[in-house]
């Protein structure tokens, strides 16, 4: 019963109440839009409101959607106040860029390992403009050591306060299809991030349960763009 009430309260906190709000959030352009190997974007999708967040970054081409960029700036500023220097490593990626990254990983590591570590073109959250890979000042490399670092532990504890979730955890691999990525942050908004972290479930499960509570599960089949 507590789970039902909690999910209903989250739905009512959306910009528009109830089912309409849920549709808006799970449709393309909404913060809860689901992208994975099942629900993919077309090669033509590029968010209209991409901006460069004002944060320390590994290069000048890092972009995010406007709302997510502002939230990332607040996250980095808060981390800095607590003595941690975060670095933005990879934000928006086009369909073509993701395809090149995936093919390179297949060449270097084999198809089986590539499927676990890198999303194929159209299946990457980075194309949404709502994801950011983050590193630390002393080592911007994206590897498991980030999750064990002081910076990584701070991010894991505080990211939801700014609307971000750690999208891929080792215990969720069977559902998400990806290995542990403590550096990969996905913006969903503060209310949703807080509930996802509280319940410790992947985004796939969260959206499925929201849809079931509001419309008998019919919204779990989020359409492609």
N, C-alpha and C. Protein backbone atom coordinates (compact mmCIF):
# COMPACT_ATOMS: atom_id res chain seq x y z
N UNK A 1 0.82 -1.21 0.00
CA UNK A 1 0.00 0.00 0.00
C UNK A 1 0.86 1.26 0.00
N UNK A 2 1.97 1.26 0.76
CA UNK A 2 2.84 2.42 0.80
C UNK A 2 3.44 2.70 -0.58
N UNK A 3 3.79 1.63 -1.31
CA UNK A 3 4.35 1.82 -2.65
C UNK A 3 3.32 2.44 -3.58
N UNK A 4 2.07 1.98 -3.49
CA UNK A 4 1.00 2.53 -4.34
C UNK A 4 0.81 4.01 -4.06
N UNK A 5 0.71 4.37 -2.78
CA UNK A 5 0.51 5.77 -2.42
C UNK A 5 1.68 6.63 -2.86
N UNK A 6 2.89 6.10 -2.71
CA UNK A 6 4.08 6.85 -3.10
C UNK A 6 4.09 7.13 -4.59
N UNK A 7 3.77 6.12 -5.40
CA UNK A 7 3.75 6.29 -6.84
C UNK A 7 2.66 7.27 -7.27
N UNK A 8 1.51 7.21 -6.62
CA UNK A 8 0.42 8.13 -6.96
C UNK A 8 0.80 9.56 -6.64
N UNK A 9 1.49 9.77 -5.53
CA UNK A 9 1.92 11.11 -5.16
C UNK A 9 2.93 11.65 -6.17
N UNK A 10 3.80 10.78 -6.65
CA UNK A 10 4.77 11.21 -7.66
C UNK A 10 4.04 11.63 -8.92
N UNK A 11 3.04 10.87 -9.35
CA UNK A 11 2.28 11.20 -10.55
C UNK A 11 1.59 12.55 -10.39
N UNK A 12 1.03 12.80 -9.20
CA UNK A 12 0.31 14.05 -8.97
C UNK A 12 1.26 15.24 -8.89
N UNK A 13 2.56 14.97 -8.72
CA UNK A 13 3.52 16.06 -8.65
C UNK A 13 3.97 16.51 -10.03
N UNK A 14 3.54 15.82 -11.09
CA UNK A 14 3.90 16.21 -12.45
C UNK A 14 3.22 17.53 -12.81
N UNK A 15 3.74 18.16 -13.86
CA UNK A 15 3.22 19.45 -14.28
C UNK A 15 1.73 19.41 -14.55
N UNK A 16 1.25 18.33 -15.17
CA UNK A 16 -0.18 18.11 -15.34
C UNK A 16 -0.52 16.85 -14.57
N UNK A 17 -1.67 16.83 -13.94
CA UNK A 17 -1.97 15.73 -13.04
C UNK A 17 -2.36 14.46 -13.77
N UNK A 18 -2.12 13.34 -13.07
CA UNK A 18 -2.62 12.05 -13.50
C UNK A 18 -2.05 11.54 -14.81
N UNK A 19 -2.92 10.90 -15.59
CA UNK A 19 -2.50 10.21 -16.80
C UNK A 19 -1.87 11.14 -17.82
N UNK A 20 -2.44 12.34 -18.00
CA UNK A 20 -1.89 13.28 -18.97
C UNK A 20 -0.45 13.63 -18.64
N UNK A 21 -0.18 13.87 -17.36
CA UNK A 21 1.18 14.18 -16.93
C UNK A 21 2.13 13.04 -17.17
N UNK A 22 1.67 11.82 -16.94
CA UNK A 22 2.51 10.65 -17.15
C UNK A 22 2.83 10.48 -18.63
N UNK A 23 1.85 10.68 -19.50
CA UNK A 23 2.08 10.59 -20.94
C UNK A 23 3.11 11.62 -21.38
N UNK A 24 2.97 12.85 -20.88
CA UNK A 24 3.92 13.90 -21.23
C UNK A 24 5.34 13.53 -20.82
N UNK A 25 5.48 12.95 -19.64
CA UNK A 25 6.81 12.64 -19.13
C UNK A 25 7.45 11.43 -19.80
N UNK A 26 6.64 10.49 -20.27
CA UNK A 26 7.18 9.29 -20.90
C UNK A 26 7.21 9.39 -22.42
N UNK A 27 6.72 10.50 -22.97
CA UNK A 27 6.79 10.73 -24.41
C UNK A 27 8.11 11.40 -24.76
N UNK A 28 8.48 11.34 -26.02
CA UNK A 28 9.73 11.96 -26.45
C UNK A 28 9.71 13.44 -26.12
N UNK A 29 10.73 13.90 -25.45
CA UNK A 29 10.76 15.27 -24.97
C UNK A 29 10.54 15.34 -23.47
N UNK A 30 9.96 14.28 -22.88
CA UNK A 30 9.75 14.22 -21.44
C UNK A 30 10.96 13.63 -20.74
N UNK A 31 11.12 13.95 -19.47
CA UNK A 31 12.29 13.50 -18.73
C UNK A 31 12.32 12.00 -18.45
N UNK A 32 11.16 11.34 -18.56
CA UNK A 32 11.12 9.90 -18.28
C UNK A 32 11.15 9.05 -19.55
N UNK A 33 11.40 9.65 -20.69
CA UNK A 33 11.40 8.87 -21.93
C UNK A 33 12.43 7.74 -21.82
N UNK A 34 11.98 6.54 -22.12
CA UNK A 34 12.82 5.35 -21.95
C UNK A 34 13.54 5.00 -23.25
N UNK A 35 14.86 4.93 -23.17
CA UNK A 35 15.67 4.50 -24.31
C UNK A 35 16.54 3.34 -23.85
N UNK A 36 16.43 2.23 -24.56
CA UNK A 36 17.28 1.07 -24.31
C UNK A 36 17.29 0.23 -25.58
N UNK A 37 17.69 -1.03 -25.49
CA UNK A 37 17.78 -1.84 -26.71
C UNK A 37 16.40 -2.18 -27.27
N UNK A 38 15.37 -2.07 -26.45
CA UNK A 38 14.01 -2.34 -26.92
C UNK A 38 13.36 -1.08 -27.48
N UNK A 39 13.50 0.01 -26.78
CA UNK A 39 12.91 1.28 -27.19
C UNK A 39 14.01 2.20 -27.72
N UNK A 40 14.04 2.38 -29.03
CA UNK A 40 15.16 3.08 -29.66
C UNK A 40 14.73 4.38 -30.34
N UNK A 41 15.70 5.27 -30.49
CA UNK A 41 15.51 6.51 -31.20
C UNK A 41 15.91 6.33 -32.67
N UNK A 42 15.34 7.13 -33.54
CA UNK A 42 15.73 7.08 -34.94
C UNK A 42 17.00 7.91 -35.15
N UNK A 43 17.61 7.75 -36.29
CA UNK A 43 18.84 8.48 -36.59
C UNK A 43 18.60 9.98 -36.74
N UNK A 44 17.34 10.38 -36.87
CA UNK A 44 17.03 11.79 -37.12
C UNK A 44 16.82 12.59 -35.84
N UNK A 45 16.71 11.91 -34.69
CA UNK A 45 16.37 12.65 -33.47
C UNK A 45 17.56 13.42 -32.91
N UNK A 46 17.36 14.73 -32.75
CA UNK A 46 18.30 15.62 -32.06
C UNK A 46 17.47 16.58 -31.23
N UNK A 47 17.69 16.66 -29.92
CA UNK A 47 16.91 17.58 -29.09
C UNK A 47 17.07 19.02 -29.57
N UNK A 48 16.00 19.79 -29.45
CA UNK A 48 16.01 21.16 -29.96
C UNK A 48 16.64 22.15 -29.00
N UNK A 49 16.81 21.77 -27.74
CA UNK A 49 17.27 22.74 -26.74
C UNK A 49 18.62 22.38 -26.13
N UNK A 50 19.51 21.83 -26.94
CA UNK A 50 20.84 21.47 -26.45
C UNK A 50 21.64 22.72 -26.09
N UNK A 51 22.32 22.66 -24.96
CA UNK A 51 23.17 23.74 -24.51
C UNK A 51 24.45 23.18 -23.90
N UNK A 52 25.44 24.02 -23.81
CA UNK A 52 26.69 23.64 -23.16
C UNK A 52 26.60 24.01 -21.69
N UNK A 53 26.59 23.03 -20.78
CA UNK A 53 26.53 23.37 -19.36
C UNK A 53 27.81 24.07 -18.92
N UNK A 54 27.67 25.01 -18.01
CA UNK A 54 28.82 25.77 -17.53
C UNK A 54 29.49 25.00 -16.39
N UNK A 55 30.20 23.95 -16.77
CA UNK A 55 30.90 23.09 -15.82
C UNK A 55 32.27 22.74 -16.37
N UNK A 56 33.15 22.26 -15.52
CA UNK A 56 34.46 21.77 -15.96
C UNK A 56 34.25 20.55 -16.83
N UNK A 57 34.87 20.53 -18.01
CA UNK A 57 34.64 19.44 -18.96
C UNK A 57 35.94 19.04 -19.64
N UNK A 58 35.95 17.85 -20.20
CA UNK A 58 37.15 17.37 -20.88
C UNK A 58 37.31 17.99 -22.26
N UNK A 59 36.22 18.53 -22.82
CA UNK A 59 36.30 19.21 -24.11
C UNK A 59 35.15 20.20 -24.22
N UNK A 60 35.20 21.05 -25.25
CA UNK A 60 34.22 22.10 -25.39
C UNK A 60 32.98 21.73 -26.15
N UNK A 61 32.82 20.45 -26.48
CA UNK A 61 31.69 20.02 -27.29
C UNK A 61 30.61 19.31 -26.48
N UNK A 62 30.70 19.36 -25.17
CA UNK A 62 29.75 18.64 -24.32
C UNK A 62 28.45 19.41 -24.20
N UNK A 63 27.35 18.76 -24.57
CA UNK A 63 26.03 19.39 -24.58
C UNK A 63 25.01 18.56 -23.80
N UNK A 64 23.98 19.24 -23.30
CA UNK A 64 22.83 18.59 -22.67
C UNK A 64 21.59 19.43 -22.99
N UNK A 65 20.44 18.86 -22.77
CA UNK A 65 19.21 19.65 -22.88
C UNK A 65 19.20 20.69 -21.76
N UNK A 66 18.49 21.79 -22.00
CA UNK A 66 18.58 22.98 -21.13
C UNK A 66 18.32 22.67 -19.66
N UNK A 67 17.22 22.01 -19.38
CA UNK A 67 16.87 21.73 -17.98
C UNK A 67 17.92 20.86 -17.31
N UNK A 68 18.38 19.85 -18.02
CA UNK A 68 19.40 18.95 -17.47
C UNK A 68 20.72 19.68 -17.28
N UNK A 69 21.06 20.58 -18.19
CA UNK A 69 22.30 21.34 -18.09
C UNK A 69 22.32 22.20 -16.84
N UNK A 70 21.19 22.87 -16.56
CA UNK A 70 21.12 23.71 -15.35
C UNK A 70 21.25 22.84 -14.09
N UNK A 71 20.63 21.67 -14.11
CA UNK A 71 20.71 20.77 -12.97
C UNK A 71 22.14 20.26 -12.78
N UNK A 72 22.83 19.99 -13.89
CA UNK A 72 24.21 19.53 -13.79
C UNK A 72 25.10 20.62 -13.19
N UNK A 73 24.88 21.84 -13.58
CA UNK A 73 25.65 22.95 -13.02
C UNK A 73 25.47 23.03 -11.51
N UNK A 74 24.22 22.87 -11.05
CA UNK A 74 23.95 22.90 -9.62
C UNK A 74 24.62 21.72 -8.91
N UNK A 75 24.60 20.56 -9.54
CA UNK A 75 25.25 19.37 -8.97
C UNK A 75 26.75 19.59 -8.81
N UNK A 76 27.39 20.08 -9.86
CA UNK A 76 28.83 20.30 -9.82
C UNK A 76 29.20 21.36 -8.78
N UNK A 77 28.39 22.40 -8.68
CA UNK A 77 28.66 23.46 -7.72
C UNK A 77 28.57 22.95 -6.29
N UNK A 78 27.55 22.13 -6.04
CA UNK A 78 27.39 21.56 -4.71
C UNK A 78 28.55 20.63 -4.37
N UNK A 79 28.98 19.83 -5.34
CA UNK A 79 30.11 18.94 -5.12
C UNK A 79 31.36 19.75 -4.79
N UNK A 80 31.55 20.85 -5.51
CA UNK A 80 32.72 21.71 -5.28
C UNK A 80 32.72 22.28 -3.87
N UNK A 81 31.55 22.69 -3.40
CA UNK A 81 31.44 23.24 -2.04
C UNK A 81 31.80 22.19 -0.99
N UNK A 82 31.59 20.93 -1.34
CA UNK A 82 31.94 19.84 -0.42
C UNK A 82 33.35 19.32 -0.65
N UNK A 83 34.11 20.02 -1.52
CA UNK A 83 35.50 19.66 -1.72
C UNK A 83 35.77 18.65 -2.82
N UNK A 84 34.81 18.45 -3.73
CA UNK A 84 34.98 17.48 -4.80
C UNK A 84 34.93 18.17 -6.16
N UNK A 85 35.88 17.88 -7.02
CA UNK A 85 35.92 18.45 -8.36
C UNK A 85 35.47 17.41 -9.37
N UNK A 86 34.30 17.63 -9.96
CA UNK A 86 33.78 16.72 -10.97
C UNK A 86 34.08 17.26 -12.36
N UNK A 87 34.14 16.35 -13.32
CA UNK A 87 34.43 16.72 -14.71
C UNK A 87 33.40 16.07 -15.62
N UNK A 88 32.80 16.86 -16.51
CA UNK A 88 31.87 16.31 -17.50
C UNK A 88 32.69 15.70 -18.63
N UNK A 89 32.42 14.44 -18.94
CA UNK A 89 33.22 13.70 -19.92
C UNK A 89 32.48 13.50 -21.24
N UNK A 90 31.19 13.15 -21.17
CA UNK A 90 30.44 12.89 -22.40
C UNK A 90 28.95 13.13 -22.18
N UNK A 91 28.37 14.04 -22.98
CA UNK A 91 26.96 14.34 -22.89
C UNK A 91 26.21 13.85 -24.12
N UNK A 92 25.57 14.77 -24.84
CA UNK A 92 24.81 14.39 -26.03
C UNK A 92 25.71 13.73 -27.07
N UNK A 93 25.20 12.64 -27.66
CA UNK A 93 25.87 11.99 -28.78
C UNK A 93 24.84 11.76 -29.88
N UNK A 94 25.20 12.08 -31.09
CA UNK A 94 24.31 11.84 -32.21
C UNK A 94 24.24 10.35 -32.51
N UNK A 95 23.26 9.98 -33.31
CA UNK A 95 23.10 8.59 -33.74
C UNK A 95 24.38 8.11 -34.42
N UNK A 96 24.94 8.94 -35.29
CA UNK A 96 26.14 8.56 -36.02
C UNK A 96 27.34 8.39 -35.12
N UNK A 97 27.48 9.27 -34.14
CA UNK A 97 28.59 9.16 -33.19
C UNK A 97 28.49 7.88 -32.38
N UNK A 98 27.28 7.56 -31.92
CA UNK A 98 27.09 6.35 -31.14
C UNK A 98 27.37 5.11 -31.98
N UNK A 99 26.99 5.14 -33.23
CA UNK A 99 27.26 4.00 -34.12
C UNK A 99 28.76 3.78 -34.25
N UNK A 100 29.53 4.85 -34.40
CA UNK A 100 30.98 4.73 -34.53
C UNK A 100 31.60 4.18 -33.25
N UNK A 101 31.13 4.65 -32.09
CA UNK A 101 31.65 4.17 -30.81
C UNK A 101 31.37 2.68 -30.64
N UNK A 102 30.16 2.27 -31.01
CA UNK A 102 29.77 0.86 -30.86
C UNK A 102 30.61 -0.03 -31.78
N UNK A 103 30.79 0.39 -33.01
CA UNK A 103 31.59 -0.40 -33.95
C UNK A 103 33.04 -0.50 -33.50
N UNK A 104 33.56 0.59 -32.93
CA UNK A 104 34.94 0.57 -32.44
C UNK A 104 35.08 -0.40 -31.27
N UNK A 105 34.08 -0.43 -30.40
CA UNK A 105 34.13 -1.36 -29.27
C UNK A 105 34.06 -2.81 -29.74
N UNK A 106 33.26 -3.08 -30.76
CA UNK A 106 33.20 -4.44 -31.33
C UNK A 106 34.57 -4.84 -31.86
N UNK A 107 35.22 -3.94 -32.56
CA UNK A 107 36.55 -4.21 -33.13
C UNK A 107 37.57 -4.49 -32.04
N UNK A 108 37.51 -3.72 -30.96
CA UNK A 108 38.51 -3.84 -29.90
C UNK A 108 38.22 -4.94 -28.89
N UNK A 109 36.93 -5.22 -28.63
CA UNK A 109 36.58 -6.13 -27.53
C UNK A 109 35.71 -7.31 -27.93
N UNK A 110 35.21 -7.32 -29.15
CA UNK A 110 34.32 -8.38 -29.56
C UNK A 110 32.87 -8.01 -29.36
N UNK A 111 31.99 -8.64 -30.12
CA UNK A 111 30.57 -8.27 -30.12
C UNK A 111 29.90 -8.52 -28.78
N UNK A 112 30.23 -9.63 -28.14
CA UNK A 112 29.58 -9.97 -26.87
C UNK A 112 29.91 -8.95 -25.78
N UNK A 113 31.18 -8.57 -25.67
CA UNK A 113 31.59 -7.60 -24.67
C UNK A 113 31.07 -6.22 -25.02
N UNK A 114 31.06 -5.89 -26.29
CA UNK A 114 30.55 -4.58 -26.73
C UNK A 114 29.10 -4.40 -26.34
N UNK A 115 28.31 -5.47 -26.48
CA UNK A 115 26.88 -5.39 -26.15
C UNK A 115 26.64 -5.10 -24.68
N UNK A 116 27.57 -5.51 -23.83
CA UNK A 116 27.42 -5.30 -22.39
C UNK A 116 27.90 -3.91 -21.97
N UNK A 117 28.83 -3.35 -22.73
CA UNK A 117 29.48 -2.11 -22.32
C UNK A 117 29.03 -0.86 -23.07
N UNK A 118 28.55 -1.02 -24.29
CA UNK A 118 28.21 0.14 -25.12
C UNK A 118 26.86 -0.08 -25.79
N UNK A 119 26.05 0.97 -25.82
CA UNK A 119 24.75 0.90 -26.49
C UNK A 119 24.92 1.03 -27.99
N UNK A 120 24.20 0.25 -28.77
CA UNK A 120 24.22 0.45 -30.22
C UNK A 120 23.53 1.75 -30.58
N UNK A 121 23.71 2.19 -31.81
CA UNK A 121 23.09 3.44 -32.27
C UNK A 121 21.58 3.38 -32.09
N UNK A 122 21.01 4.45 -31.56
CA UNK A 122 19.58 4.52 -31.32
C UNK A 122 19.16 4.04 -29.95
N UNK A 123 20.05 3.31 -29.28
CA UNK A 123 19.71 2.73 -27.98
C UNK A 123 20.43 3.44 -26.83
N UNK A 124 21.08 4.56 -27.14
CA UNK A 124 21.84 5.27 -26.12
C UNK A 124 21.06 6.44 -25.54
N UNK A 125 21.06 6.55 -24.22
CA UNK A 125 20.43 7.70 -23.56
C UNK A 125 21.15 9.01 -23.89
N UNK A 126 22.40 8.91 -24.30
CA UNK A 126 23.14 10.13 -24.64
C UNK A 126 22.48 10.87 -25.79
N UNK A 127 21.82 10.15 -26.69
CA UNK A 127 21.15 10.81 -27.81
C UNK A 127 19.96 11.64 -27.33
N UNK A 128 19.41 11.33 -26.17
CA UNK A 128 18.31 12.10 -25.61
C UNK A 128 18.76 13.49 -25.14
N UNK A 129 20.05 13.62 -24.84
CA UNK A 129 20.53 14.86 -24.27
C UNK A 129 20.26 14.98 -22.78
N UNK A 130 19.89 13.86 -22.15
CA UNK A 130 19.57 13.85 -20.72
C UNK A 130 20.58 13.06 -19.90
N UNK A 131 21.63 12.57 -20.54
CA UNK A 131 22.63 11.75 -19.85
C UNK A 131 23.98 12.45 -19.88
N UNK A 132 24.75 12.24 -18.82
CA UNK A 132 26.10 12.76 -18.75
C UNK A 132 27.01 11.76 -18.05
N UNK A 133 28.13 11.47 -18.66
CA UNK A 133 29.17 10.68 -18.01
C UNK A 133 30.07 11.66 -17.26
N UNK A 134 30.31 11.38 -15.99
CA UNK A 134 31.12 12.28 -15.18
C UNK A 134 32.34 11.55 -14.63
N UNK A 135 33.43 12.30 -14.50
CA UNK A 135 34.66 11.78 -13.93
C UNK A 135 35.12 12.70 -12.82
N UNK A 136 36.32 12.47 -12.35
CA UNK A 136 36.88 13.33 -11.30
C UNK A 136 38.13 14.03 -11.84
N UNK A 137 38.48 15.11 -11.21
CA UNK A 137 39.56 15.96 -11.70
C UNK A 137 40.87 15.19 -11.84
N UNK A 138 41.14 14.31 -10.89
CA UNK A 138 42.41 13.57 -10.89
C UNK A 138 42.43 12.45 -11.90
N UNK A 139 41.22 12.01 -12.35
CA UNK A 139 41.15 10.92 -13.31
C UNK A 139 39.78 10.95 -13.98
N UNK A 140 39.75 11.45 -15.23
CA UNK A 140 38.48 11.56 -15.94
C UNK A 140 38.11 10.27 -16.66
N UNK A 141 38.89 9.22 -16.48
CA UNK A 141 38.60 7.95 -17.11
C UNK A 141 37.31 7.35 -16.59
N UNK A 142 36.56 6.72 -17.50
CA UNK A 142 35.28 6.11 -17.12
C UNK A 142 35.50 4.64 -16.80
N UNK A 143 35.64 4.34 -15.52
CA UNK A 143 35.84 2.96 -15.09
C UNK A 143 35.31 2.79 -13.68
N UNK A 144 35.36 1.55 -13.21
CA UNK A 144 34.76 1.22 -11.91
C UNK A 144 35.39 1.99 -10.75
N UNK A 145 36.60 2.47 -10.92
CA UNK A 145 37.27 3.18 -9.83
C UNK A 145 36.53 4.45 -9.45
N UNK A 146 35.77 5.02 -10.39
CA UNK A 146 35.02 6.23 -10.07
C UNK A 146 34.01 5.97 -8.95
N UNK A 147 33.32 4.85 -9.02
CA UNK A 147 32.33 4.53 -8.01
C UNK A 147 32.91 4.35 -6.63
N UNK A 148 34.20 3.98 -6.56
CA UNK A 148 34.85 3.76 -5.27
C UNK A 148 35.55 5.02 -4.76
N UNK A 149 35.67 6.02 -5.61
CA UNK A 149 36.36 7.25 -5.23
C UNK A 149 35.48 8.11 -4.33
N UNK A 150 36.08 9.10 -3.69
CA UNK A 150 35.33 10.02 -2.85
C UNK A 150 34.31 10.78 -3.68
N UNK A 151 34.72 11.17 -4.90
CA UNK A 151 33.81 11.89 -5.78
C UNK A 151 32.63 11.01 -6.20
N UNK A 152 32.93 9.78 -6.56
CA UNK A 152 31.88 8.85 -6.98
C UNK A 152 30.90 8.54 -5.87
N UNK A 153 31.41 8.40 -4.67
CA UNK A 153 30.54 8.14 -3.54
C UNK A 153 29.67 9.35 -3.23
N UNK A 154 30.24 10.55 -3.40
CA UNK A 154 29.44 11.76 -3.20
C UNK A 154 28.31 11.83 -4.23
N UNK A 155 28.63 11.54 -5.48
CA UNK A 155 27.63 11.56 -6.54
C UNK A 155 26.51 10.55 -6.25
N UNK A 156 26.89 9.35 -5.84
CA UNK A 156 25.89 8.32 -5.55
C UNK A 156 24.95 8.75 -4.43
N UNK A 157 25.46 9.52 -3.49
CA UNK A 157 24.65 9.95 -2.35
C UNK A 157 23.79 11.17 -2.65
N UNK A 158 24.27 12.05 -3.54
CA UNK A 158 23.62 13.34 -3.69
C UNK A 158 22.99 13.61 -5.06
N UNK A 159 23.29 12.82 -6.07
CA UNK A 159 22.82 13.13 -7.43
C UNK A 159 21.32 13.30 -7.52
N UNK A 160 20.57 12.48 -6.79
CA UNK A 160 19.10 12.55 -6.89
C UNK A 160 18.55 13.89 -6.40
N UNK A 161 19.29 14.57 -5.54
CA UNK A 161 18.84 15.86 -5.04
C UNK A 161 18.81 16.92 -6.15
N UNK A 162 19.46 16.60 -7.27
CA UNK A 162 19.50 17.52 -8.41
C UNK A 162 18.78 16.94 -9.63
N UNK A 163 18.09 15.81 -9.41
CA UNK A 163 17.29 15.22 -10.48
C UNK A 163 17.96 14.14 -11.28
N UNK A 164 19.13 13.67 -10.84
CA UNK A 164 19.87 12.65 -11.59
C UNK A 164 19.83 11.30 -10.87
N UNK A 165 19.86 10.24 -11.65
CA UNK A 165 20.01 8.89 -11.11
C UNK A 165 21.24 8.26 -11.74
N UNK A 166 21.86 7.33 -11.01
CA UNK A 166 22.88 6.47 -11.61
C UNK A 166 22.10 5.40 -12.36
N UNK A 167 22.17 5.45 -13.66
CA UNK A 167 21.26 4.67 -14.51
C UNK A 167 21.55 3.18 -14.51
N UNK A 168 22.82 2.80 -14.44
CA UNK A 168 23.18 1.39 -14.57
C UNK A 168 23.97 0.91 -13.36
N UNK A 169 23.39 -0.06 -12.65
CA UNK A 169 24.05 -0.69 -11.51
C UNK A 169 24.23 -2.18 -11.80
N UNK A 170 25.24 -2.76 -11.16
CA UNK A 170 25.57 -4.16 -11.41
C UNK A 170 24.38 -5.08 -11.14
N UNK A 171 23.62 -4.77 -10.08
CA UNK A 171 22.51 -5.65 -9.72
C UNK A 171 21.31 -5.50 -10.65
N UNK A 172 21.36 -4.53 -11.56
CA UNK A 172 20.26 -4.31 -12.50
C UNK A 172 20.60 -4.80 -13.91
N UNK A 173 21.75 -5.38 -14.11
CA UNK A 173 22.21 -5.73 -15.46
C UNK A 173 21.21 -6.59 -16.22
N UNK A 174 20.56 -7.52 -15.53
CA UNK A 174 19.61 -8.41 -16.20
C UNK A 174 18.44 -7.62 -16.78
N UNK A 175 18.10 -6.49 -16.17
CA UNK A 175 16.99 -5.66 -16.64
C UNK A 175 17.46 -4.61 -17.64
N UNK A 176 18.54 -3.89 -17.31
CA UNK A 176 19.01 -2.81 -18.17
C UNK A 176 19.82 -3.30 -19.36
N UNK A 177 20.48 -4.46 -19.18
CA UNK A 177 21.32 -5.00 -20.25
C UNK A 177 22.74 -4.49 -20.24
N UNK A 178 23.08 -3.65 -19.25
CA UNK A 178 24.41 -3.05 -19.22
C UNK A 178 25.11 -3.31 -17.89
N UNK A 179 26.44 -3.29 -17.96
CA UNK A 179 27.25 -3.49 -16.77
C UNK A 179 27.19 -2.26 -15.87
N UNK A 180 27.78 -2.37 -14.71
CA UNK A 180 27.82 -1.28 -13.73
C UNK A 180 28.50 -0.05 -14.32
N UNK A 181 27.83 1.11 -14.27
CA UNK A 181 28.40 2.36 -14.76
C UNK A 181 28.14 3.47 -13.75
N UNK A 182 28.93 3.55 -12.69
CA UNK A 182 28.69 4.56 -11.65
C UNK A 182 28.89 5.99 -12.13
N UNK A 183 29.47 6.14 -13.31
CA UNK A 183 29.72 7.48 -13.87
C UNK A 183 28.58 8.00 -14.76
N UNK A 184 27.65 7.13 -15.14
CA UNK A 184 26.60 7.51 -16.09
C UNK A 184 25.38 8.04 -15.36
N UNK A 185 25.15 9.34 -15.48
CA UNK A 185 24.01 9.98 -14.82
C UNK A 185 22.91 10.28 -15.83
N UNK A 186 21.67 10.01 -15.44
CA UNK A 186 20.52 10.30 -16.29
C UNK A 186 19.60 11.27 -15.55
N UNK A 187 19.22 12.34 -16.23
CA UNK A 187 18.32 13.32 -15.63
C UNK A 187 16.87 12.88 -15.79
N UNK A 188 16.13 12.85 -14.69
CA UNK A 188 14.71 12.53 -14.71
C UNK A 188 13.88 13.53 -13.93
N UNK A 189 14.52 14.48 -13.26
CA UNK A 189 13.82 15.42 -12.40
C UNK A 189 13.91 15.00 -10.94
N UNK A 190 13.84 15.96 -10.04
CA UNK A 190 14.08 15.69 -8.62
C UNK A 190 13.07 14.72 -8.03
N UNK A 191 11.78 14.91 -8.29
CA UNK A 191 10.76 14.04 -7.69
C UNK A 191 10.96 12.58 -8.10
N UNK A 192 11.16 12.37 -9.39
CA UNK A 192 11.33 11.00 -9.87
C UNK A 192 12.66 10.40 -9.39
N UNK A 193 13.72 11.18 -9.44
CA UNK A 193 15.02 10.68 -9.00
C UNK A 193 14.99 10.28 -7.53
N UNK A 194 14.34 11.10 -6.73
CA UNK A 194 14.25 10.81 -5.30
C UNK A 194 13.50 9.50 -5.05
N UNK A 195 12.42 9.28 -5.79
CA UNK A 195 11.64 8.05 -5.61
C UNK A 195 12.40 6.84 -6.14
N UNK A 196 13.08 6.97 -7.25
CA UNK A 196 13.85 5.86 -7.81
C UNK A 196 14.96 5.44 -6.86
N UNK A 197 15.64 6.43 -6.28
CA UNK A 197 16.72 6.13 -5.34
C UNK A 197 16.16 5.52 -4.06
N UNK A 198 15.06 6.05 -3.59
CA UNK A 198 14.44 5.51 -2.37
C UNK A 198 14.08 4.05 -2.52
N UNK A 199 13.58 3.69 -3.72
CA UNK A 199 13.14 2.32 -3.94
C UNK A 199 14.25 1.44 -4.53
N UNK A 200 15.35 2.07 -4.98
CA UNK A 200 16.48 1.35 -5.53
C UNK A 200 16.07 0.40 -6.65
N UNK A 201 15.42 0.97 -7.68
CA UNK A 201 14.99 0.20 -8.83
C UNK A 201 15.45 0.90 -10.11
N UNK A 202 15.62 0.15 -11.21
CA UNK A 202 16.03 0.77 -12.47
C UNK A 202 14.89 1.56 -13.10
N UNK A 203 15.21 2.43 -14.03
CA UNK A 203 14.20 3.27 -14.68
C UNK A 203 13.15 2.43 -15.38
N UNK A 204 13.54 1.31 -15.98
CA UNK A 204 12.57 0.43 -16.66
C UNK A 204 11.47 0.00 -15.70
N UNK A 205 11.86 -0.42 -14.51
CA UNK A 205 10.88 -0.89 -13.53
C UNK A 205 10.02 0.26 -13.02
N UNK A 206 10.63 1.40 -12.82
CA UNK A 206 9.91 2.56 -12.31
C UNK A 206 8.82 3.00 -13.29
N UNK A 207 9.16 3.12 -14.56
CA UNK A 207 8.18 3.53 -15.56
C UNK A 207 7.07 2.50 -15.71
N UNK A 208 7.46 1.23 -15.67
CA UNK A 208 6.46 0.17 -15.77
C UNK A 208 5.45 0.26 -14.63
N UNK A 209 5.93 0.50 -13.42
CA UNK A 209 5.03 0.56 -12.28
C UNK A 209 4.17 1.82 -12.31
N UNK A 210 4.73 2.94 -12.73
CA UNK A 210 3.93 4.16 -12.87
C UNK A 210 2.80 3.94 -13.87
N UNK A 211 3.15 3.33 -15.00
CA UNK A 211 2.15 3.10 -16.04
C UNK A 211 1.06 2.14 -15.56
N UNK A 212 1.46 1.11 -14.83
CA UNK A 212 0.49 0.13 -14.34
C UNK A 212 -0.47 0.77 -13.35
N UNK A 213 0.04 1.63 -12.46
CA UNK A 213 -0.81 2.27 -11.47
C UNK A 213 -1.80 3.24 -12.12
N UNK A 214 -1.40 3.82 -13.27
CA UNK A 214 -2.21 4.87 -13.88
C UNK A 214 -3.04 4.42 -15.07
N UNK A 215 -2.58 3.37 -15.75
CA UNK A 215 -3.30 3.00 -16.98
C UNK A 215 -3.19 1.50 -17.28
N UNK A 216 -3.11 0.71 -16.25
CA UNK A 216 -3.10 -0.73 -16.44
C UNK A 216 -1.90 -1.28 -17.19
N UNK A 217 -0.84 -0.50 -17.29
CA UNK A 217 0.37 -0.99 -17.91
C UNK A 217 0.50 -0.68 -19.39
N UNK A 218 -0.51 -0.04 -20.00
CA UNK A 218 -0.47 0.18 -21.44
C UNK A 218 0.65 1.14 -21.86
N UNK A 219 1.05 1.99 -20.94
CA UNK A 219 2.10 2.97 -21.29
C UNK A 219 3.50 2.38 -21.23
N UNK A 220 3.64 1.12 -20.87
CA UNK A 220 4.97 0.55 -20.81
C UNK A 220 5.55 0.40 -22.21
N UNK A 221 4.71 0.33 -23.23
CA UNK A 221 5.20 0.25 -24.60
C UNK A 221 5.44 1.66 -25.14
N UNK A 222 6.49 2.30 -24.61
CA UNK A 222 6.81 3.65 -25.02
C UNK A 222 7.23 3.62 -26.49
N UNK A 223 6.60 4.42 -27.35
CA UNK A 223 6.88 4.35 -28.77
C UNK A 223 8.22 4.94 -29.16
N UNK A 224 8.74 4.53 -30.31
CA UNK A 224 9.94 5.14 -30.86
C UNK A 224 9.60 6.54 -31.35
N UNK A 225 10.67 7.32 -31.56
CA UNK A 225 10.46 8.65 -32.15
C UNK A 225 10.08 8.50 -33.60
